[in-house]
Amino acid sequence: TGTVSDAMCGAHHMEKGKTAAECTRDCVKQGTKYALVVGEKIYTLEGHEPELDRVAGMKATIEDRVSGETLTVQSVVPEMKMK
């Protein structure tokens, strides 16, 4: 479980005036991969890009297979906000 971002920006988005989701989507369109930020660690995500796009900038639980710093995505579950 962590925040869905991109591999270039990680936890600190660089595009001024854009939300984390907008910056993540722009970076992915420019060729970087989606990433999961868990504390100080950043894992590159492979697969399920349409699902990752829907949760860009949000907390989510990613079910995956780990290979070093890369997670092969099996499923994406957005974190539900408590009311």
Protein backbone atom coordinates (compact mmCIF):
# COMPACT_ATOMS: atom_id res chain seq x y z
CA THR A 1 0.00 0.00 0.00
CA GLY A 2 1.32 3.42 -0.96
CA THR A 3 0.77 6.41 -3.22
CA VAL A 4 0.60 5.90 -6.99
CA SER A 5 3.04 8.29 -8.62
CA ASP A 6 5.59 8.13 -11.42
CA ALA A 7 9.18 6.89 -11.41
CA MET A 8 10.63 10.31 -12.31
CA CYS A 9 8.94 12.45 -9.64
CA GLY A 10 8.40 9.86 -6.91
CA ALA A 11 7.00 11.59 -3.83
CA HIS A 12 7.93 15.12 -4.96
CA HIS A 13 6.12 16.31 -8.08
CA MET A 14 7.96 18.90 -10.13
CA GLU A 15 5.25 20.40 -12.34
CA LYS A 16 4.19 23.65 -10.73
CA GLY A 17 0.46 24.37 -10.54
CA LYS A 18 -0.59 20.77 -11.17
CA THR A 19 -2.03 18.22 -8.79
CA ALA A 20 -0.11 15.03 -8.01
CA ALA A 21 -2.49 13.15 -10.31
CA GLU A 22 -2.02 15.60 -13.21
CA CYS A 23 1.76 15.58 -12.84
CA THR A 24 1.86 11.77 -12.66
CA ARG A 25 -0.25 11.41 -15.81
CA ASP A 26 1.86 14.00 -17.69
CA CYS A 27 5.11 12.24 -16.74
CA VAL A 28 3.72 8.86 -17.82
CA LYS A 29 2.62 10.35 -21.17
CA GLN A 30 6.22 11.55 -21.59
CA GLY A 31 7.51 8.00 -21.17
CA THR A 32 8.22 7.39 -17.49
CA LYS A 33 6.61 4.45 -15.65
CA TYR A 34 4.03 4.50 -12.89
CA ALA A 35 5.53 3.99 -9.44
CA LEU A 36 4.38 3.19 -5.92
CA VAL A 37 5.75 5.40 -3.16
CA VAL A 38 5.92 3.60 0.19
CA GLY A 39 7.59 5.80 2.78
CA GLU A 40 11.03 6.65 1.34
CA LYS A 41 10.99 3.70 -1.10
CA ILE A 42 9.88 3.99 -4.74
CA TYR A 43 8.89 0.88 -6.70
CA THR A 44 8.46 0.96 -10.49
CA LEU A 45 5.12 -0.54 -11.56
CA GLU A 46 4.67 -2.74 -14.64
CA GLY A 47 1.25 -3.51 -16.14
CA HIS A 48 -2.37 -2.50 -15.51
CA GLU A 49 -1.73 1.08 -16.72
CA PRO A 50 -5.45 1.95 -17.19
CA GLU A 51 -6.14 1.02 -13.55
CA LEU A 52 -3.06 2.90 -12.36
CA ASP A 53 -4.18 5.96 -14.34
CA ARG A 54 -7.49 5.99 -12.42
CA VAL A 55 -5.68 6.07 -9.05
CA ALA A 56 -2.79 8.38 -10.02
CA GLY A 57 -1.88 10.60 -7.06
CA MET A 58 -3.99 8.49 -4.68
CA LYS A 59 -3.26 5.86 -2.05
CA ALA A 60 -3.83 2.32 -3.27
CA THR A 61 -2.99 -1.27 -2.49
CA ILE A 62 -1.13 -2.98 -5.29
CA GLU A 63 -1.07 -6.78 -5.42
CA ASP A 64 2.07 -7.73 -7.27
CA ARG A 65 5.06 -9.91 -7.95
CA VAL A 66 8.32 -8.31 -6.82
CA SER A 67 11.51 -8.41 -8.86
CA GLY A 68 14.10 -6.09 -7.29
CA GLU A 69 12.74 -2.54 -7.45
CA THR A 70 10.01 -3.44 -9.98
CA LEU A 71 6.52 -4.62 -9.09
CA THR A 72 4.54 -6.52 -11.73
CA VAL A 73 0.97 -5.43 -10.98
CA GLN A 74 -1.65 -8.13 -10.45
CA SER A 75 -4.43 -5.86 -9.14
CA VAL A 76 -5.06 -2.28 -8.02
CA VAL A 77 -7.38 -1.44 -5.11
CA PRO A 78 -7.92 2.26 -4.29
CA GLU A 79 -7.86 3.16 -0.61
CA MET A 80 -11.36 4.15 0.46
CA LYS A 81 -11.65 7.41 2.37
CA MET A 82 -13.40 7.32 5.71
CA LYS A 83 -16.29 9.77 6.15
